[in-house]
């Protein structure tokens, strides 16, 4: 028979066969958010770079056709704009880190708690 008075109500205890990673759960979630931001920044920059490289090939192989050259220049323009946006968003995150003295991408990012 379980003594109900001895059970701490409100405390969740995992079963003994479940491994406990330890640490603060909010740091785990903050790590996922930090990793997601880093992944998005890196992926967006790589996509914009590949977009610009393919636009360069499109420009080189246009054969002098004005419509193809114009489309290639447009694609180069938008690829460079994309890279500027990604670098700008990285700079904004770094500015937030400096002004508010938080570490978002540098590590140690924690979620606000009550």
PDB file of N, CA and C in Angstrom:
ATOM      1  N   UNK A   1       0.839  -1.172   0.000  1.00  0.00           N
ATOM      2  CA  UNK A   1       0.000   0.000   0.000  1.00  0.00           C
ATOM      3  C   UNK A   1       0.888   1.239   0.000  1.00  0.00           C
ATOM      4  N   UNK A   2       0.574   2.221  -0.850  1.00  0.00           N
ATOM      5  CA  UNK A   2       1.359   3.445  -0.978  1.00  0.00           C
ATOM      6  C   UNK A   2       0.849   4.462   0.029  1.00  0.00           C
ATOM      7  N   UNK A   3       1.787   5.056   0.715  1.00  0.00           N
ATOM      8  CA  UNK A   3       1.446   6.110   1.663  1.00  0.00           C
ATOM      9  C   UNK A   3       1.297   7.405   0.876  1.00  0.00           C
ATOM     10  N   UNK A   4       0.070   7.897   0.720  1.00  0.00           N
ATOM     11  CA  UNK A   4      -0.180   9.074  -0.092  1.00  0.00           C
ATOM     12  C   UNK A   4       0.389  10.337   0.540  1.00  0.00           C
ATOM     13  N   UNK A   5       0.583  10.340   1.845  1.00  0.00           N
ATOM     14  CA  UNK A   5       1.141  11.512   2.504  1.00  0.00           C
ATOM     15  C   UNK A   5       2.638  11.649   2.229  1.00  0.00           C
ATOM     16  N   UNK A   6       3.311  10.558   1.908  1.00  0.00           N
ATOM     17  CA  UNK A   6       4.743  10.596   1.666  1.00  0.00           C
ATOM     18  C   UNK A   6       5.076  10.989   0.227  1.00  0.00           C
ATOM     19  N   UNK A   7       4.098  10.986  -0.677  1.00  0.00           N
ATOM     20  CA  UNK A   7       4.328  11.329  -2.078  1.00  0.00           C
ATOM     21  C   UNK A   7       4.324  12.845  -2.218  1.00  0.00           C
ATOM     22  N   UNK A   8       5.353  13.370  -2.876  1.00  0.00           N
ATOM     23  CA  UNK A   8       5.445  14.810  -3.097  1.00  0.00           C
ATOM     24  C   UNK A   8       4.572  15.166  -4.292  1.00  0.00           C
ATOM     25  N   UNK A   9       3.450  15.803  -4.032  1.00  0.00           N
ATOM     26  CA  UNK A   9       2.501  16.145  -5.089  1.00  0.00           C
ATOM     27  C   UNK A   9       3.069  17.307  -5.894  1.00  0.00           C
ATOM     28  N   UNK A  10       3.002  17.187  -7.217  1.00  0.00           N
ATOM     29  CA  UNK A  10       3.493  18.229  -8.108  1.00  0.00           C
ATOM     30  C   UNK A  10       4.883  17.951  -8.642  1.00  0.00           C
ATOM     31  N   UNK A  11       5.560  16.947  -8.138  1.00  0.00           N
ATOM     32  CA  UNK A  11       6.890  16.600  -8.625  1.00  0.00           C
ATOM     33  C   UNK A  11       6.763  15.428  -9.585  1.00  0.00           C
ATOM     34  N   UNK A  12       7.302  15.590 -10.756  1.00  0.00           N
ATOM     35  CA  UNK A  12       7.255  14.526 -11.752  1.00  0.00           C
ATOM     36  C   UNK A  12       8.571  13.772 -11.691  1.00  0.00           C
ATOM     37  N   UNK A  13       8.488  12.495 -11.445  1.00  0.00           N
ATOM     38  CA  UNK A  13       9.671  11.652 -11.385  1.00  0.00           C
ATOM     39  C   UNK A  13       9.583  10.645 -12.518  1.00  0.00           C
ATOM     40  N   UNK A  14      10.558  10.649 -13.435  1.00  0.00           N
ATOM     41  CA  UNK A  14      10.498   9.691 -14.544  1.00  0.00           C
ATOM     42  C   UNK A  14      10.755   8.274 -14.045  1.00  0.00           C
ATOM     43  N   UNK A  15      10.291   7.300 -14.799  1.00  0.00           N
ATOM     44  CA  UNK A  15      10.558   5.914 -14.417  1.00  0.00           C
ATOM     45  C   UNK A  15      12.064   5.653 -14.372  1.00  0.00           C
ATOM     46  N   UNK A  16      12.481   4.669 -13.609  1.00  0.00           N
ATOM     47  CA  UNK A  16      13.925   4.429 -13.449  1.00  0.00           C
ATOM     48  C   UNK A  16      14.641   3.988 -14.721  1.00  0.00           C
ATOM     49  N   UNK A  17      13.945   3.424 -15.700  1.00  0.00           N
ATOM     50  CA  UNK A  17      14.619   2.963 -16.922  1.00  0.00           C
ATOM     51  C   UNK A  17      14.785   4.070 -17.963  1.00  0.00           C
ATOM     52  N   UNK A  18      14.319   5.295 -17.710  1.00  0.00           N
ATOM     53  CA  UNK A  18      14.462   6.427 -18.623  1.00  0.00           C
ATOM     54  C   UNK A  18      15.746   7.177 -18.263  1.00  0.00           C
ATOM     55  N   UNK A  19      16.675   7.367 -19.231  1.00  0.00           N
ATOM     56  CA  UNK A  19      17.901   8.110 -18.899  1.00  0.00           C
ATOM     57  C   UNK A  19      17.600   9.592 -18.663  1.00  0.00           C
ATOM     58  N   UNK A  20      18.293  10.178 -17.726  1.00  0.00           N
ATOM     59  CA  UNK A  20      18.127  11.593 -17.395  1.00  0.00           C
ATOM     60  C   UNK A  20      19.331  12.360 -17.936  1.00  0.00           C
ATOM     61  N   UNK A  21      19.123  13.270 -18.907  1.00  0.00           N
ATOM     62  CA  UNK A  21      20.265  13.993 -19.452  1.00  0.00           C
ATOM     63  C   UNK A  21      20.845  14.995 -18.462  1.00  0.00           C
ATOM     64  N   UNK A  22      20.092  15.328 -17.438  1.00  0.00           N
ATOM     65  CA  UNK A  22      20.570  16.285 -16.441  1.00  0.00           C
ATOM     66  C   UNK A  22      20.538  17.703 -16.967  1.00  0.00           C
ATOM     67  N   UNK A  23      20.829  18.637 -16.123  1.00  0.00           N
ATOM     68  CA  UNK A  23      20.845  20.026 -16.537  1.00  0.00           C
ATOM     69  C   UNK A  23      19.466  20.656 -16.501  1.00  0.00           C
ATOM     70  N   UNK A  24      19.435  21.903 -16.880  1.00  0.00           N
ATOM     71  CA  UNK A  24      18.212  22.681 -16.882  1.00  0.00           C
ATOM     72  C   UNK A  24      17.450  22.426 -18.181  1.00  0.00           C
ATOM     73  N   UNK A  25      16.155  22.087 -18.106  1.00  0.00           N
ATOM     74  CA  UNK A  25      15.401  21.842 -19.347  1.00  0.00           C
ATOM     75  C   UNK A  25      15.311  23.074 -20.239  1.00  0.00           C
ATOM     76  N   UNK A  26      15.303  24.273 -19.646  1.00  0.00           N
ATOM     77  CA  UNK A  26      15.218  25.472 -20.483  1.00  0.00           C
ATOM     78  C   UNK A  26      16.500  25.673 -21.281  1.00  0.00           C
ATOM     79  N   UNK A  27      17.634  25.222 -20.764  1.00  0.00           N
ATOM     80  CA  UNK A  27      18.865  25.329 -21.549  1.00  0.00           C
ATOM     81  C   UNK A  27      18.837  24.362 -22.733  1.00  0.00           C
ATOM     82  N   UNK A  28      18.153  23.229 -22.563  1.00  0.00           N
ATOM     83  CA  UNK A  28      18.000  22.286 -23.671  1.00  0.00           C
ATOM     84  C   UNK A  28      17.164  22.906 -24.783  1.00  0.00           C
ATOM     85  N   UNK A  29      16.042  23.519 -24.421  1.00  0.00           N
ATOM     86  CA  UNK A  29      15.168  24.157 -25.407  1.00  0.00           C
ATOM     87  C   UNK A  29      15.883  25.345 -26.049  1.00  0.00           C
ATOM     88  N   UNK A  30      16.605  26.120 -25.241  1.00  0.00           N
ATOM     89  CA  UNK A  30      17.358  27.253 -25.779  1.00  0.00           C
ATOM     90  C   UNK A  30      18.434  26.764 -26.751  1.00  0.00           C
ATOM     91  N   UNK A  31      19.042  25.624 -26.468  1.00  0.00           N
ATOM     92  CA  UNK A  31      20.027  25.056 -27.383  1.00  0.00           C
ATOM     93  C   UNK A  31      19.402  24.658 -28.705  1.00  0.00           C
ATOM     94  N   UNK A  32      18.178  24.136 -28.650  1.00  0.00           N
ATOM     95  CA  UNK A  32      17.476  23.789 -29.891  1.00  0.00           C
ATOM     96  C   UNK A  32      17.178  25.050 -30.688  1.00  0.00           C
ATOM     97  N   UNK A  33      16.745  26.116 -30.009  1.00  0.00           N
ATOM     98  CA  UNK A  33      16.454  27.378 -30.690  1.00  0.00           C
ATOM     99  C   UNK A  33      17.731  27.949 -31.304  1.00  0.00           C
ATOM    100  N   UNK A  34      18.835  27.946 -30.538  1.00  0.00           N
ATOM    101  CA  UNK A  34      20.112  28.451 -31.043  1.00  0.00           C
ATOM    102  C   UNK A  34      20.567  27.646 -32.257  1.00  0.00           C
ATOM    103  N   UNK A  35      20.453  26.324 -32.164  1.00  0.00           N
ATOM    104  CA  UNK A  35      20.831  25.479 -33.295  1.00  0.00           C
ATOM    105  C   UNK A  35      19.957  25.728 -34.515  1.00  0.00           C
ATOM    106  N   UNK A  36      18.663  25.973 -34.289  1.00  0.00           N
ATOM    107  CA  UNK A  36      17.760  26.271 -35.400  1.00  0.00           C
ATOM    108  C   UNK A  36      18.106  27.580 -36.089  1.00  0.00           C
ATOM    109  N   UNK A  37      18.430  28.602 -35.286  1.00  0.00           N
ATOM    110  CA  UNK A  37      18.815  29.897 -35.867  1.00  0.00           C
ATOM    111  C   UNK A  37      20.100  29.750 -36.673  1.00  0.00           C
ATOM    112  N   UNK A  38      21.079  29.054 -36.118  1.00  0.00           N
ATOM    113  CA  UNK A  38      22.336  28.849 -36.833  1.00  0.00           C
ATOM    114  C   UNK A  38      22.110  28.061 -38.119  1.00  0.00           C
ATOM    115  N   UNK A  39      21.278  27.034 -38.041  1.00  0.00           N
ATOM    116  CA  UNK A  39      20.985  26.221 -39.222  1.00  0.00           C
ATOM    117  C   UNK A  39      20.322  27.064 -40.309  1.00  0.00           C
ATOM    118  N   UNK A  40      19.340  27.889 -39.924  1.00  0.00           N
ATOM    119  CA  UNK A  40      18.656  28.728 -40.904  1.00  0.00           C
ATOM    120  C   UNK A  40      19.602  29.736 -41.546  1.00  0.00           C
ATOM    121  N   UNK A  41      20.466  30.359 -40.739  1.00  0.00           N
ATOM    122  CA  UNK A  41      21.407  31.335 -41.295  1.00  0.00           C
ATOM    123  C   UNK A  41      22.372  30.685 -42.278  1.00  0.00           C
ATOM    124  N   UNK A  42      22.936  29.567 -41.891  1.00  0.00           N
ATOM    125  CA  UNK A  42      23.907  28.885 -42.753  1.00  0.00           C
ATOM    126  C   UNK A  42      23.237  28.374 -44.027  1.00  0.00           C
ATOM    127  N   UNK A  43      22.068  27.752 -43.879  1.00  0.00           N
ATOM    128  CA  UNK A  43      21.364  27.220 -45.039  1.00  0.00           C
ATOM    129  C   UNK A  43      20.953  28.330 -46.004  1.00  0.00           C
ATOM    130  N   UNK A  44      20.435  29.433 -45.462  1.00  0.00           N
ATOM    131  CA  UNK A  44      20.007  30.544 -46.328  1.00  0.00           C
ATOM    132  C   UNK A  44      21.192  31.134 -47.079  1.00  0.00           C
ATOM    133  N   UNK A  45      22.338  31.262 -46.417  1.00  0.00           N
ATOM    134  CA  UNK A  45      23.505  31.813 -47.101  1.00  0.00           C
ATOM    135  C   UNK A  45      23.995  30.878 -48.198  1.00  0.00           C
ATOM    136  N   UNK A  46      24.021  29.580 -47.915  1.00  0.00           N
ATOM    137  CA  UNK A  46      24.473  28.613 -48.916  1.00  0.00           C
ATOM    138  C   UNK A  46      23.527  28.598 -50.114  1.00  0.00           C
ATOM    139  N   UNK A  47      22.218  28.660 -49.862  1.00  0.00           N
ATOM    140  CA  UNK A  47      21.249  28.679 -50.962  1.00  0.00           C
ATOM    141  C   UNK A  47      21.433  29.934 -51.813  1.00  0.00           C
ATOM    142  N   UNK A  48      21.617  31.087 -51.163  1.00  0.00           N
ATOM    143  CA  UNK A  48      21.819  32.334 -51.918  1.00  0.00           C
ATOM    144  C   UNK A  48      23.120  32.279 -52.715  1.00  0.00           C
ATOM    145  N   UNK A  49      24.157  31.685 -52.153  1.00  0.00           N
ATOM    146  CA  UNK A  49      25.432  31.564 -52.857  1.00  0.00           C
ATOM    147  C   UNK A  49      25.297  30.652 -54.082  1.00  0.00           C
ATOM    148  N   UNK A  50      24.647  29.510 -53.907  1.00  0.00           N
ATOM    149  CA  UNK A  50      24.452  28.592 -55.030  1.00  0.00           C
ATOM    150  C   UNK A  50      23.568  29.236 -56.099  1.00  0.00           C
ATOM    151  N   UNK A  51      22.544  29.983 -55.665  1.00  0.00           N
ATOM    152  CA  UNK A  51      21.660  30.703 -56.595  1.00  0.00           C
ATOM    153  C   UNK A  51      22.480  31.674 -57.452  1.00  0.00           C
ATOM    154  N   UNK A  52      23.403  32.394 -56.807  1.00  0.00           N
ATOM    155  CA  UNK A  52      24.222  33.367 -57.527  1.00  0.00           C
ATOM    156  C   UNK A  52      25.204  32.670 -58.470  1.00  0.00           C
ATOM    157  N   UNK A  53      25.764  31.561 -58.037  1.00  0.00           N
ATOM    158  CA  UNK A  53      26.691  30.821 -58.891  1.00  0.00           C
ATOM    159  C   UNK A  53      25.973  30.298 -60.137  1.00  0.00           C
ATOM    160  N   UNK A  54      24.779  29.726 -59.965  1.00  0.00           N
ATOM    161  CA  UNK A  54      24.018  29.259 -61.122  1.00  0.00           C
ATOM    162  C   UNK A  54      23.623  30.417 -62.030  1.00  0.00           C
ATOM    163  N   UNK A  55      23.353  31.581 -61.445  1.00  0.00           N
ATOM    164  CA  UNK A  55      23.042  32.750 -62.259  1.00  0.00           C
ATOM    165  C   UNK A  55      24.254  33.160 -63.088  1.00  0.00           C
ATOM    166  N   UNK A  56      25.445  33.028 -62.500  1.00  0.00           N
ATOM    167  CA  UNK A  56      26.659  33.318 -63.259  1.00  0.00           C
ATOM    168  C   UNK A  56      26.838  32.374 -64.426  1.00  0.00           C
ATOM    169  N   UNK A  57      26.579  31.081 -64.200  1.00  0.00           N
ATOM    170  CA  UNK A  57      26.642  30.127 -65.312  1.00  0.00           C
ATOM    171  C   UNK A  57      25.590  30.455 -66.366  1.00  0.00           C
ATOM    172  N   UNK A  58      24.417  30.849 -65.920  1.00  0.00           N
ATOM    173  CA  UNK A  58      23.355  31.218 -66.853  1.00  0.00           C
ATOM    174  C   UNK A  58      23.770  32.434 -67.687  1.00  0.00           C
ATOM    175  N   UNK A  59      24.472  33.367 -67.053  1.00  0.00           N
ATOM    176  CA  UNK A  59      24.953  34.552 -67.755  1.00  0.00           C
ATOM    177  C   UNK A  59      26.015  34.177 -68.791  1.00  0.00           C
ATOM    178  N   UNK A  60      26.947  33.314 -68.377  1.00  0.00           N
ATOM    179  CA  UNK A  60      28.041  32.928 -69.274  1.00  0.00           C
ATOM    180  C   UNK A  60      27.515  32.162 -70.483  1.00  0.00           C
ATOM    181  N   UNK A  61      26.537  31.282 -70.255  1.00  0.00           N
ATOM    182  CA  UNK A  61      26.028  30.440 -71.335  1.00  0.00           C
ATOM    183  C   UNK A  61      24.791  31.028 -72.009  1.00  0.00           C
ATOM    184  N   UNK A  62      24.538  32.324 -71.841  1.00  0.00           N
ATOM    185  CA  UNK A  62      23.349  32.938 -72.448  1.00  0.00           C
ATOM    186  C   UNK A  62      23.497  33.086 -73.956  1.00  0.00           C
ATOM    187  N   UNK A  63      24.710  33.105 -74.446  1.00  0.00           N
ATOM    188  CA  UNK A  63      24.931  33.187 -75.883  1.00  0.00           C
ATOM    189  C   UNK A  63      24.620  34.549 -76.476  1.00  0.00           C
ATOM    190  N   UNK A  64      24.604  35.577 -75.646  1.00  0.00           N
ATOM    191  CA  UNK A  64      24.370  36.917 -76.159  1.00  0.00           C
ATOM    192  C   UNK A  64      22.907  37.274 -76.321  1.00  0.00           C
ATOM    193  N   UNK A  65      22.011  36.341 -76.035  1.00  0.00           N
ATOM    194  CA  UNK A  65      20.580  36.631 -76.123  1.00  0.00           C
ATOM    195  C   UNK A  65      20.206  37.638 -75.037  1.00  0.00           C
ATOM    196  N   UNK A  66      19.625  38.756 -75.440  1.00  0.00           N
ATOM    197  CA  UNK A  66      19.354  39.835 -74.486  1.00  0.00           C
ATOM    198  C   UNK A  66      18.381  39.413 -73.396  1.00  0.00           C
ATOM    199  N   UNK A  67      17.411  38.609 -73.727  1.00  0.00           N
ATOM    200  CA  UNK A  67      16.443  38.158 -72.727  1.00  0.00           C
ATOM    201  C   UNK A  67      17.117  37.257 -71.693  1.00  0.00           C
ATOM    202  N   UNK A  68      17.993  36.356 -72.138  1.00  0.00           N
ATOM    203  CA  UNK A  68      18.712  35.467 -71.220  1.00  0.00           C
ATOM    204  C   UNK A  68      19.693  36.246 -70.354  1.00  0.00           C
ATOM    205  N   UNK A  69      20.377  37.216 -70.948  1.00  0.00           N
ATOM    206  CA  UNK A  69      21.321  38.038 -70.189  1.00  0.00           C
ATOM    207  C   UNK A  69      20.577  38.846 -69.133  1.00  0.00           C
ATOM    208  N   UNK A  70      19.446  39.407 -69.503  1.00  0.00           N
ATOM    209  CA  UNK A  70      18.646  40.184 -68.562  1.00  0.00           C
ATOM    210  C   UNK A  70      18.139  39.317 -67.413  1.00  0.00           C
ATOM    211  N   UNK A  71      17.683  38.109 -67.740  1.00  0.00           N
ATOM    212  CA  UNK A  71      17.228  37.185 -66.691  1.00  0.00           C
ATOM    213  C   UNK A  71      18.358  36.761 -65.775  1.00  0.00           C
ATOM    214  N   UNK A  72      19.541  36.558 -66.353  1.00  0.00           N
ATOM    215  CA  UNK A  72      20.698  36.171 -65.538  1.00  0.00           C
ATOM    216  C   UNK A  72      21.118  37.302 -64.609  1.00  0.00           C
ATOM    217  N   UNK A  73      21.117  38.545 -65.128  1.00  0.00           N
ATOM    218  CA  UNK A  73      21.459  39.684 -64.273  1.00  0.00           C
ATOM    219  C   UNK A  73      20.447  39.834 -63.147  1.00  0.00           C
ATOM    220  N   UNK A  74      19.202  39.613 -63.457  1.00  0.00           N
ATOM    221  CA  UNK A  74      18.161  39.683 -62.428  1.00  0.00           C
ATOM    222  C   UNK A  74      18.387  38.616 -61.357  1.00  0.00           C
ATOM    223  N   UNK A  75      18.733  37.405 -61.792  1.00  0.00           N
ATOM    224  CA  UNK A  75      18.977  36.322 -60.843  1.00  0.00           C
ATOM    225  C   UNK A  75      20.222  36.607 -59.999  1.00  0.00           C
ATOM    226  N   UNK A  76      21.265  37.169 -60.606  1.00  0.00           N
ATOM    227  CA  UNK A  76      22.464  37.548 -59.855  1.00  0.00           C
ATOM    228  C   UNK A  76      22.113  38.617 -58.823  1.00  0.00           C
ATOM    229  N   UNK A  77      21.319  39.588 -59.256  1.00  0.00           N
ATOM    230  CA  UNK A  77      20.912  40.670 -58.364  1.00  0.00           C
ATOM    231  C   UNK A  77      20.164  40.122 -57.141  1.00  0.00           C
ATOM    232  N   UNK A  78      19.190  39.246 -57.366  1.00  0.00           N
ATOM    233  CA  UNK A  78      18.416  38.714 -56.249  1.00  0.00           C
ATOM    234  C   UNK A  78      19.237  37.766 -55.373  1.00  0.00           C
ATOM    235  N   UNK A  79      20.182  37.059 -55.951  1.00  0.00           N
ATOM    236  CA  UNK A  79      21.072  36.227 -55.140  1.00  0.00           C
ATOM    237  C   UNK A  79      21.937  37.064 -54.213  1.00  0.00           C
ATOM    238  N   UNK A  80      22.464  38.175 -54.751  1.00  0.00           N
ATOM    239  CA  UNK A  80      23.275  39.067 -53.911  1.00  0.00           C
ATOM    240  C   UNK A  80      22.420  39.737 -52.838  1.00  0.00           C
ATOM    241  N   UNK A  81      21.195  40.115 -53.187  1.00  0.00           N
ATOM    242  CA  UNK A  81      20.278  40.688 -52.189  1.00  0.00           C
ATOM    243  C   UNK A  81      20.011  39.665 -51.083  1.00  0.00           C
ATOM    244  N   UNK A  82      19.823  38.415 -51.452  1.00  0.00           N
ATOM    245  CA  UNK A  82      19.599  37.359 -50.460  1.00  0.00           C
ATOM    246  C   UNK A  82      20.777  37.210 -49.515  1.00  0.00           C
ATOM    247  N   UNK A  83      21.994  37.238 -50.066  1.00  0.00           N
ATOM    248  CA  UNK A  83      23.176  37.139 -49.204  1.00  0.00           C
ATOM    249  C   UNK A  83      23.291  38.342 -48.276  1.00  0.00           C
ATOM    250  N   UNK A  84      22.959  39.529 -48.772  1.00  0.00           N
ATOM    251  CA  UNK A  84      23.006  40.733 -47.935  1.00  0.00           C
ATOM    252  C   UNK A  84      21.980  40.628 -46.802  1.00  0.00           C
ATOM    253  N   UNK A  85      20.794  40.103 -47.096  1.00  0.00           N
ATOM    254  CA  UNK A  85      19.767  39.944 -46.063  1.00  0.00           C
ATOM    255  C   UNK A  85      20.236  38.961 -44.989  1.00  0.00           C
ATOM    256  N   UNK A  86      20.844  37.853 -45.388  1.00  0.00           N
ATOM    257  CA  UNK A  86      21.316  36.862 -44.420  1.00  0.00           C
ATOM    258  C   UNK A  86      22.434  37.444 -43.558  1.00  0.00           C
ATOM    259  N   UNK A  87      23.391  38.118 -44.190  1.00  0.00           N
ATOM    260  CA  UNK A  87      24.485  38.731 -43.423  1.00  0.00           C
ATOM    261  C   UNK A  87      23.940  39.838 -42.522  1.00  0.00           C
ATOM    262  N   UNK A  88      22.943  40.579 -43.008  1.00  0.00           N
ATOM    263  CA  UNK A  88      22.329  41.618 -42.189  1.00  0.00           C
ATOM    264  C   UNK A  88      21.603  41.046 -40.987  1.00  0.00           C
ATOM    265  N   UNK A  89      20.903  39.942 -41.157  1.00  0.00           N
ATOM    266  CA  UNK A  89      20.220  39.328 -40.017  1.00  0.00           C
ATOM    267  C   UNK A  89      21.225  38.785 -39.010  1.00  0.00           C
ATOM    268  N   UNK A  90      22.350  38.257 -39.496  1.00  0.00           N
ATOM    269  CA  UNK A  90      23.409  37.822 -38.581  1.00  0.00           C
ATOM    270  C   UNK A  90      23.966  39.017 -37.809  1.00  0.00           C
ATOM    271  N   UNK A  91      24.148  40.151 -38.493  1.00  0.00           N
ATOM    272  CA  UNK A  91      24.658  41.359 -37.839  1.00  0.00           C
ATOM    273  C   UNK A  91      23.668  41.876 -36.804  1.00  0.00           C
ATOM    274  N   UNK A  92      22.372  41.801 -37.101  1.00  0.00           N
ATOM    275  CA  UNK A  92      21.366  42.241 -36.137  1.00  0.00           C
ATOM    276  C   UNK A  92      21.395  41.360 -34.890  1.00  0.00           C
ATOM    277  N   UNK A  93      21.539  40.057 -35.076  1.00  0.00           N
ATOM    278  CA  UNK A  93      21.630  39.157 -33.922  1.00  0.00           C
ATOM    279  C   UNK A  93      22.867  39.485 -33.091  1.00  0.00           C
ATOM    280  N   UNK A  94      23.993  39.751 -33.752  1.00  0.00           N
ATOM    281  CA  UNK A  94      25.211  40.114 -33.021  1.00  0.00           C
ATOM    282  C   UNK A  94      25.047  41.444 -32.289  1.00  0.00           C
ATOM    283  N   UNK A  95      24.363  42.423 -32.905  1.00  0.00           N
ATOM    284  CA  UNK A  95      24.097  43.698 -32.232  1.00  0.00           C
ATOM    285  C   UNK A  95      23.234  43.498 -30.991  1.00  0.00           C
ATOM    286  N   UNK A  96      22.233  42.647 -31.087  1.00  0.00           N
ATOM    287  CA  UNK A  96      21.396  42.346 -29.928  1.00  0.00           C
ATOM    288  C   UNK A  96      22.233  41.710 -28.829  1.00  0.00           C
ATOM    289  N   UNK A  97      23.150  40.821 -29.209  1.00  0.00           N
ATOM    290  CA  UNK A  97      24.030  40.207 -28.216  1.00  0.00           C
ATOM    291  C   UNK A  97      24.873  41.255 -27.495  1.00  0.00           C
ATOM    292  N   UNK A  98      25.395  42.236 -28.232  1.00  0.00           N
ATOM    293  CA  UNK A  98      26.268  43.251 -27.635  1.00  0.00           C
ATOM    294  C   UNK A  98      25.473  44.217 -26.765  1.00  0.00           C
ATOM    295  N   UNK A  99      24.353  44.738 -27.299  1.00  0.00           N
ATOM    296  CA  UNK A  99      23.612  45.759 -26.571  1.00  0.00           C
ATOM    297  C   UNK A  99      22.903  45.218 -25.334  1.00  0.00           C
ATOM    298  N   UNK A 100      22.339  44.012 -25.430  1.00  0.00           N
ATOM    299  CA  UNK A 100      21.588  43.464 -24.311  1.00  0.00           C
ATOM    300  C   UNK A 100      22.400  42.478 -23.481  1.00  0.00           C
ATOM    301  N   UNK A 101      23.652  42.267 -23.856  1.00  0.00           N
ATOM    302  CA  UNK A 101      24.565  41.376 -23.133  1.00  0.00           C
ATOM    303  C   UNK A 101      23.970  39.976 -22.943  1.00  0.00           C
ATOM    304  N   UNK A 102      23.436  39.435 -24.036  1.00  0.00           N
ATOM    305  CA  UNK A 102      22.959  38.061 -24.056  1.00  0.00           C
ATOM    306  C   UNK A 102      23.762  37.301 -25.108  1.00  0.00           C
ATOM    307  N   UNK A 103      23.819  36.021 -24.962  1.00  0.00           N
ATOM    308  CA  UNK A 103      24.529  35.185 -25.929  1.00  0.00           C
ATOM    309  C   UNK A 103      23.504  34.324 -26.650  1.00  0.00           C
ATOM    310  N   UNK A 104      23.157  34.727 -27.854  1.00  0.00           N
ATOM    311  CA  UNK A 104      22.178  33.962 -28.625  1.00  0.00           C
ATOM    312  C   UNK A 104      22.892  32.913 -29.474  1.00  0.00           C
ATOM    313  N   UNK A 105      23.831  33.351 -30.284  1.00  0.00           N
ATOM    314  CA  UNK A 105      24.568  32.415 -31.140  1.00  0.00           C
ATOM    315  C   UNK A 105      25.888  31.979 -30.518  1.00  0.00           C
ATOM    316  N   UNK A 106      26.390  32.758 -29.582  1.00  0.00           N
ATOM    317  CA  UNK A 106      27.693  32.472 -28.990  1.00  0.00           C
ATOM    318  C   UNK A 106      27.639  31.374 -27.939  1.00  0.00           C
ATOM    319  N   UNK A 107      26.470  30.997 -27.500  1.00  0.00           N
ATOM    320  CA  UNK A 107      26.320  29.974 -26.460  1.00  0.00           C
ATOM    321  C   UNK A 107      25.858  30.605 -25.168  1.00  0.00           C
ATOM    322  N   UNK A 108      25.302  29.780 -24.305  1.00  0.00           N
ATOM    323  CA  UNK A 108      24.823  30.271 -23.034  1.00  0.00           C
ATOM    324  C   UNK A 108      23.462  30.931 -23.092  1.00  0.00           C
ATOM    325  N   UNK A 109      22.758  30.779 -24.199  1.00  0.00           N
ATOM    326  CA  UNK A 109      21.434  31.370 -24.355  1.00  0.00           C
ATOM    327  C   UNK A 109      20.435  30.592 -23.524  1.00  0.00           C
ATOM    328  N   UNK A 110      19.747  31.283 -22.624  1.00  0.00           N
ATOM    329  CA  UNK A 110      18.726  30.653 -21.785  1.00  0.00           C
ATOM    330  C   UNK A 110      17.386  31.313 -22.027  1.00  0.00           C
ATOM    331  N   UNK A 111      16.340  30.542 -21.887  1.00  0.00           N
ATOM    332  CA  UNK A 111      14.994  31.091 -22.004  1.00  0.00           C
ATOM    333  C   UNK A 111      14.650  31.864 -20.738  1.00  0.00           C
ATOM    334  N   UNK A 112      13.861  32.931 -20.849  1.00  0.00           N
ATOM    335  CA  UNK A 112      13.454  33.660 -19.649  1.00  0.00           C
ATOM    336  C   UNK A 112      12.608  32.798 -18.736  1.00  0.00           C
ATOM    337  N   UNK A 113      12.819  32.956 -17.451  1.00  0.00           N
ATOM    338  CA  UNK A 113      12.071  32.180 -16.472  1.00  0.00           C
ATOM    339  C   UNK A 113      11.400  33.121 -15.490  1.00  0.00           C
ATOM    340  N   UNK A 114      10.384  32.611 -14.828  1.00  0.00           N
ATOM    341  CA  UNK A 114       9.718  33.413 -13.807  1.00  0.00           C
ATOM    342  C   UNK A 114      10.524  33.454 -12.552  1.00  0.00           C
TER     343      UNK A 114
END
